[in-house]
């Protein structure tokens, strides 16, 4: 049994949040550069150039990439041979989140659903974090983190189709979601699609799909082909960078699929903005 100190997890999470707030991941930066080169609209090409300039400024001056510093979302795999010494893993992640957001002067964005009262003075900065835990083999902890902004989250949707809808129905649904979203999620976007499972499994899968590095292939060839079709159809919508019209509305479509009930076909679409702030560490 390997013991990991509680404060080691706190510090690791805090540092993830501080770094990710100001440093656009390399995969996203490269995808934006490629999109700028291939964009056919001069207006959208200039918009993407400004997005890249913003990323450079944020990195060099240690300033947030966006005023919406997002809610903290974690996908965590903890090895069955790991013991957290000095506290609970969930508490360590939440404490690291609060410290990261407060010490980096990031916006506190969690509030009560109806009163809209901010929770920073009662729970802590940007708490509670959204944490998805899974127990796996081994003696390590893998932590995937993303800052999820409201503009992209607000346009995300889920639907349970009858099985007869098939691939065509799923493609049309994804197109409809992105078409209705327009420029609101701050494109060029990344589109996560969860297919199968149950209603909630599809939603979680579509969120986790956003963590996959841009430019990587889907392990399932059938889903990989479907990703290419969806990306092509989305970019034909002409929404363009920040909704200014163009040929690069999306940088990528990532699909995660799961077995489902014989009577249903759950589908979820989760959208991420051009500032796809995500990172992954192993402790």
Protein backbone atom coordinates (compact mmCIF):
# COMPACT_ATOMS: atom_id res chain seq x y z
CA UNK A 1 0.00 0.00 0.00
CA UNK A 2 1.45 3.36 -1.06
CA UNK A 3 0.71 6.37 1.14
CA UNK A 4 0.32 9.83 -0.40
CA UNK A 5 0.21 12.83 1.88
CA UNK A 6 -3.02 14.83 1.85
CA UNK A 7 -1.14 18.10 1.34
CA UNK A 8 0.70 16.69 -1.68
CA UNK A 9 -2.64 16.34 -3.43
CA UNK A 10 -3.74 19.81 -2.30
CA UNK A 11 -0.58 21.42 -3.70
CA UNK A 12 -0.75 19.44 -6.95
CA UNK A 13 -4.34 20.50 -7.60
CA UNK A 14 -3.62 24.13 -6.66
CA UNK A 15 -0.71 24.28 -9.10
CA UNK A 16 -2.77 22.67 -11.87
CA UNK A 17 -5.41 25.36 -11.55
CA UNK A 18 -2.96 28.27 -11.43
CA UNK A 19 -0.99 27.03 -14.44
CA UNK A 20 -3.99 26.08 -16.54
CA UNK A 21 -5.67 29.46 -16.03
CA UNK A 22 -2.87 31.26 -17.87
CA UNK A 23 -1.34 28.66 -20.20
CA UNK A 24 -3.38 27.43 -23.15
CA UNK A 25 -2.56 23.72 -23.68
CA UNK A 26 -0.17 23.03 -26.53
CA UNK A 27 -2.69 20.84 -28.38
CA UNK A 28 -5.27 23.64 -28.39
CA UNK A 29 -2.75 26.33 -29.34
CA UNK A 30 -1.51 24.23 -32.28
CA UNK A 31 -5.07 23.47 -33.40
CA UNK A 32 -5.92 27.19 -33.40
CA UNK A 33 -2.80 27.93 -35.48
CA UNK A 34 -3.82 25.29 -38.00
CA UNK A 35 -7.38 26.64 -38.06
CA UNK A 36 -6.09 30.15 -38.76
CA UNK A 37 -4.00 28.89 -41.65
CA UNK A 38 -6.92 27.00 -43.20
CA UNK A 39 -9.70 29.51 -42.46
CA UNK A 40 -11.10 30.96 -45.70
CA UNK A 41 -12.79 34.00 -44.19
CA UNK A 42 -10.41 36.96 -43.70
CA UNK A 43 -12.50 38.18 -40.76
CA UNK A 44 -12.44 34.86 -38.91
CA UNK A 45 -8.75 34.42 -39.74
CA UNK A 46 -8.06 37.74 -38.01
CA UNK A 47 -10.23 36.73 -35.03
CA UNK A 48 -8.25 33.53 -34.56
CA UNK A 49 -5.01 35.51 -34.82
CA UNK A 50 -6.24 37.68 -31.96
CA UNK A 51 -7.16 34.58 -29.92
CA UNK A 52 -3.60 33.33 -30.33
CA UNK A 53 -2.23 36.74 -29.39
CA UNK A 54 -4.43 36.67 -26.28
CA UNK A 55 -2.96 33.26 -25.39
CA UNK A 56 0.58 34.61 -25.77
CA UNK A 57 -0.19 37.62 -23.55
CA UNK A 58 -1.81 35.42 -20.90
CA UNK A 59 1.21 33.11 -20.80
CA UNK A 60 3.84 35.88 -20.77
CA UNK A 61 2.09 38.15 -18.26
CA UNK A 62 0.63 35.34 -16.11
CA UNK A 63 -2.93 36.60 -16.57
CA UNK A 64 -6.10 34.51 -17.02
CA UNK A 65 -6.87 33.45 -20.57
CA UNK A 66 -10.49 34.53 -20.07
CA UNK A 67 -12.49 36.48 -17.52
CA UNK A 68 -14.66 33.37 -17.14
CA UNK A 69 -12.24 31.20 -15.20
CA UNK A 70 -14.78 28.39 -15.17
CA UNK A 71 -15.96 25.77 -12.73
CA UNK A 72 -13.34 23.20 -11.72
CA UNK A 73 -14.09 19.79 -13.25
CA UNK A 74 -12.00 16.73 -12.36
CA UNK A 75 -11.86 13.17 -13.62
CA UNK A 76 -9.80 11.21 -11.09
CA UNK A 77 -8.53 7.64 -11.19
CA UNK A 78 -7.19 6.40 -7.87
CA UNK A 79 -5.26 3.15 -7.65
CA UNK A 80 -6.62 0.53 -5.28
CA UNK A 81 -3.18 0.37 -3.63
CA UNK A 82 -3.17 4.06 -2.69
CA UNK A 83 -4.01 5.51 0.72
CA UNK A 84 -4.38 9.26 1.29
CA UNK A 85 -2.63 10.03 4.59
CA UNK A 86 -4.17 12.85 6.60
CA UNK A 87 -7.59 13.23 5.03
CA UNK A 88 -9.99 12.35 2.22
CA UNK A 89 -9.08 12.61 -1.46
CA UNK A 90 -12.25 14.58 -2.21
CA UNK A 91 -11.43 17.10 0.50
CA UNK A 92 -7.87 17.49 -0.80
CA UNK A 93 -9.12 18.23 -4.31
CA UNK A 94 -11.61 20.78 -3.01
CA UNK A 95 -8.99 22.46 -0.81
CA UNK A 96 -6.55 22.62 -3.71
CA UNK A 97 -9.27 24.11 -5.89
CA UNK A 98 -10.11 26.83 -3.37
CA UNK A 99 -6.45 27.72 -2.86
CA UNK A 100 -5.71 27.77 -6.59
CA UNK A 101 -8.60 30.07 -7.43
CA UNK A 102 -7.95 32.39 -4.49
CA UNK A 103 -4.17 32.62 -4.78
CA UNK A 104 -4.29 33.22 -8.54
CA UNK A 105 -7.04 35.85 -8.12
CA UNK A 106 -9.37 33.89 -10.38
CA UNK A 107 -13.07 34.67 -10.44
CA UNK A 108 -15.19 32.82 -7.89
CA UNK A 109 -18.05 31.49 -10.01
CA UNK A 110 -20.13 29.12 -7.86
CA UNK A 111 -23.44 30.33 -6.47
CA UNK A 112 -26.80 29.16 -5.17
CA UNK A 113 -29.10 28.18 -8.08
CA UNK A 114 -31.92 30.66 -7.35
CA UNK A 115 -30.68 33.33 -4.95
CA UNK A 116 -27.45 33.53 -7.00
CA UNK A 117 -25.56 34.16 -3.75
CA UNK A 118 -21.85 33.53 -4.28
CA UNK A 119 -20.46 30.68 -2.16
CA UNK A 120 -16.85 31.87 -1.78
CA UNK A 121 -17.41 33.06 1.80
CA UNK A 122 -19.24 29.91 2.94
CA UNK A 123 -17.68 26.99 1.01
CA UNK A 124 -14.51 28.59 -0.39
CA UNK A 125 -13.44 29.92 -3.79
CA UNK A 126 -15.16 28.04 -6.62
CA UNK A 127 -16.41 25.21 -4.45
CA UNK A 128 -17.60 22.59 -4.61
CA UNK A 129 -15.50 21.25 -7.46
CA UNK A 130 -17.14 18.76 -9.84
CA UNK A 131 -15.33 15.48 -9.16
CA UNK A 132 -15.75 12.18 -11.00
CA UNK A 133 -13.92 9.36 -9.20
CA UNK A 134 -12.94 5.91 -10.45
CA UNK A 135 -10.99 3.17 -8.67
CA UNK A 136 -8.40 1.39 -10.83
CA UNK A 137 -5.43 -0.94 -10.42
CA UNK A 138 -2.09 0.37 -9.22
CA UNK A 139 -0.61 2.77 -6.69
CA UNK A 140 -0.97 6.12 -8.46
CA UNK A 141 -3.54 8.90 -8.74
CA UNK A 142 -4.34 10.27 -12.19
CA UNK A 143 -6.03 13.67 -12.17
CA UNK A 144 -7.56 15.30 -15.24
CA UNK A 145 -8.68 18.90 -14.75
CA UNK A 146 -10.57 21.38 -16.90
CA UNK A 147 -11.93 24.86 -16.26
CA UNK A 148 -15.45 24.79 -17.73
CA UNK A 149 -16.88 28.17 -18.64
CA UNK A 150 -20.57 29.07 -18.60
CA UNK A 151 -20.86 30.20 -22.21
CA UNK A 152 -19.98 26.80 -23.62
CA UNK A 153 -21.73 24.80 -20.91
CA UNK A 154 -24.99 26.70 -21.44
CA UNK A 155 -25.41 25.48 -25.03
CA UNK A 156 -24.83 21.80 -24.20
CA UNK A 157 -27.74 19.39 -24.50
CA UNK A 158 -28.77 15.75 -24.07
CA UNK A 159 -31.53 13.62 -25.57
CA UNK A 160 -32.61 10.00 -25.47
CA UNK A 161 -33.49 8.79 -28.98
CA UNK A 162 -35.30 5.66 -30.07
CA UNK A 163 -32.80 3.18 -31.53
CA UNK A 164 -34.23 3.71 -35.02
CA UNK A 165 -32.74 7.22 -35.07
CA UNK A 166 -29.37 5.63 -35.88
CA UNK A 167 -26.24 7.50 -36.88
CA UNK A 168 -28.19 9.90 -39.08
CA UNK A 169 -30.32 11.03 -36.15
CA UNK A 170 -27.28 11.52 -33.95
CA UNK A 171 -25.46 13.56 -36.62
CA UNK A 172 -28.48 15.80 -37.14
CA UNK A 173 -28.85 16.31 -33.39
CA UNK A 174 -25.19 17.36 -33.02
CA UNK A 175 -25.56 19.78 -35.95
CA UNK A 176 -28.74 21.20 -34.44
CA UNK A 177 -27.08 21.81 -31.06
CA UNK A 178 -24.14 23.65 -32.63
CA UNK A 179 -26.34 25.58 -35.07
CA UNK A 180 -28.57 26.77 -32.22
CA UNK A 181 -25.48 27.73 -30.20
CA UNK A 182 -24.12 29.99 -32.92
CA UNK A 183 -21.34 32.22 -31.61
CA UNK A 184 -22.38 31.95 -27.93
CA UNK A 185 -19.81 29.27 -26.93
CA UNK A 186 -16.92 31.37 -28.36
CA UNK A 187 -15.82 29.24 -31.31
CA UNK A 188 -13.68 27.69 -32.67
CA UNK A 189 -15.05 25.05 -30.30
CA UNK A 190 -14.33 21.49 -29.33
CA UNK A 191 -17.41 19.26 -29.36
CA UNK A 192 -17.69 16.33 -26.96
CA UNK A 193 -20.31 13.70 -27.84
CA UNK A 194 -21.41 10.92 -25.51
CA UNK A 195 -23.30 8.08 -27.17
CA UNK A 196 -24.97 5.17 -25.40
CA UNK A 197 -25.01 4.14 -21.78
CA UNK A 198 -27.84 5.78 -19.85
CA UNK A 199 -28.94 9.42 -19.76
CA UNK A 200 -26.37 10.40 -17.13
CA UNK A 201 -23.61 8.18 -18.59
CA UNK A 202 -23.95 9.88 -21.97
CA UNK A 203 -23.66 13.29 -20.30
CA UNK A 204 -20.54 12.36 -18.33
CA UNK A 205 -18.99 10.75 -21.41
CA UNK A 206 -19.56 13.87 -23.51
CA UNK A 207 -17.81 15.96 -20.84
CA UNK A 208 -14.88 13.55 -20.54
CA UNK A 209 -14.49 13.46 -24.33
CA UNK A 210 -13.42 17.12 -24.17
CA UNK A 211 -10.30 16.12 -22.20
CA UNK A 212 -8.84 14.14 -25.09
CA UNK A 213 -5.93 15.89 -26.74
CA UNK A 214 -6.82 17.57 -30.02
CA UNK A 215 -5.37 15.79 -33.02
CA UNK A 216 -5.49 12.32 -31.47
CA UNK A 217 -7.36 9.44 -33.09
CA UNK A 218 -10.38 7.74 -31.57
CA UNK A 219 -9.52 4.20 -30.46
CA UNK A 220 -12.75 2.99 -32.10
CA UNK A 221 -12.44 3.28 -35.92
CA UNK A 222 -16.23 3.49 -36.33
CA UNK A 223 -16.45 6.40 -33.89
CA UNK A 224 -13.39 8.00 -35.50
CA UNK A 225 -15.13 8.02 -38.87
CA UNK A 226 -18.26 9.46 -37.28
CA UNK A 227 -16.16 12.23 -35.72
CA UNK A 228 -14.86 13.24 -39.15
CA UNK A 229 -18.37 13.35 -40.58
CA UNK A 230 -19.68 15.46 -37.69
CA UNK A 231 -16.74 17.87 -37.86
CA UNK A 232 -17.26 18.38 -41.57
CA UNK A 233 -20.99 18.97 -41.12
CA UNK A 234 -20.41 21.44 -38.26
CA UNK A 235 -17.87 23.44 -40.24
CA UNK A 236 -20.31 23.65 -43.14
CA UNK A 237 -22.65 25.66 -40.86
CA UNK A 238 -20.52 28.76 -41.50
CA UNK A 239 -20.61 30.08 -37.93
CA UNK A 240 -16.88 30.75 -37.83
CA UNK A 241 -14.62 32.15 -35.14
CA UNK A 242 -16.59 33.98 -32.42
CA UNK A 243 -19.65 33.72 -34.70
CA UNK A 244 -18.17 36.06 -37.33
CA UNK A 245 -18.76 33.64 -40.21
CA UNK A 246 -16.20 31.22 -41.61
CA UNK A 247 -15.13 27.67 -42.28
CA UNK A 248 -13.60 26.75 -38.90
CA UNK A 249 -16.43 26.65 -36.38
CA UNK A 250 -15.03 23.57 -34.61
CA UNK A 251 -11.48 22.39 -34.04
CA UNK A 252 -12.52 18.80 -33.33
CA UNK A 253 -15.33 16.43 -32.45
CA UNK A 254 -14.54 13.81 -29.83
CA UNK A 255 -16.89 10.87 -29.24
CA UNK A 256 -17.07 8.47 -26.31
CA UNK A 257 -19.46 5.56 -26.82
CA UNK A 258 -20.90 3.03 -24.37
CA UNK A 259 -23.19 -0.02 -24.58
CA UNK A 260 -26.82 0.92 -24.00
CA UNK A 261 -30.25 -0.58 -23.37
CA UNK A 262 -31.92 -2.27 -26.35
CA UNK A 263 -34.81 0.22 -26.17
CA UNK A 264 -32.84 3.48 -26.07
CA UNK A 265 -30.09 5.55 -27.67
CA UNK A 266 -28.93 8.30 -25.27
CA UNK A 267 -26.85 11.12 -26.79
CA UNK A 268 -25.23 14.12 -25.13
CA UNK A 269 -23.37 17.06 -26.66
CA UNK A 270 -21.01 19.03 -24.43
CA UNK A 271 -19.27 22.05 -25.92
CA UNK A 272 -15.93 23.63 -24.99
CA UNK A 273 -14.87 27.12 -26.07
CA UNK A 274 -11.68 28.02 -27.97
CA UNK A 275 -9.91 28.45 -24.62
CA UNK A 276 -9.91 24.73 -23.89
CA UNK A 277 -8.14 24.84 -20.53
CA UNK A 278 -7.29 21.29 -19.50
CA UNK A 279 -4.37 19.38 -18.06
CA UNK A 280 -3.45 15.97 -16.65
CA UNK A 281 -1.05 14.90 -13.91
CA UNK A 282 -0.09 11.66 -12.21
CA UNK A 283 0.89 11.51 -8.55
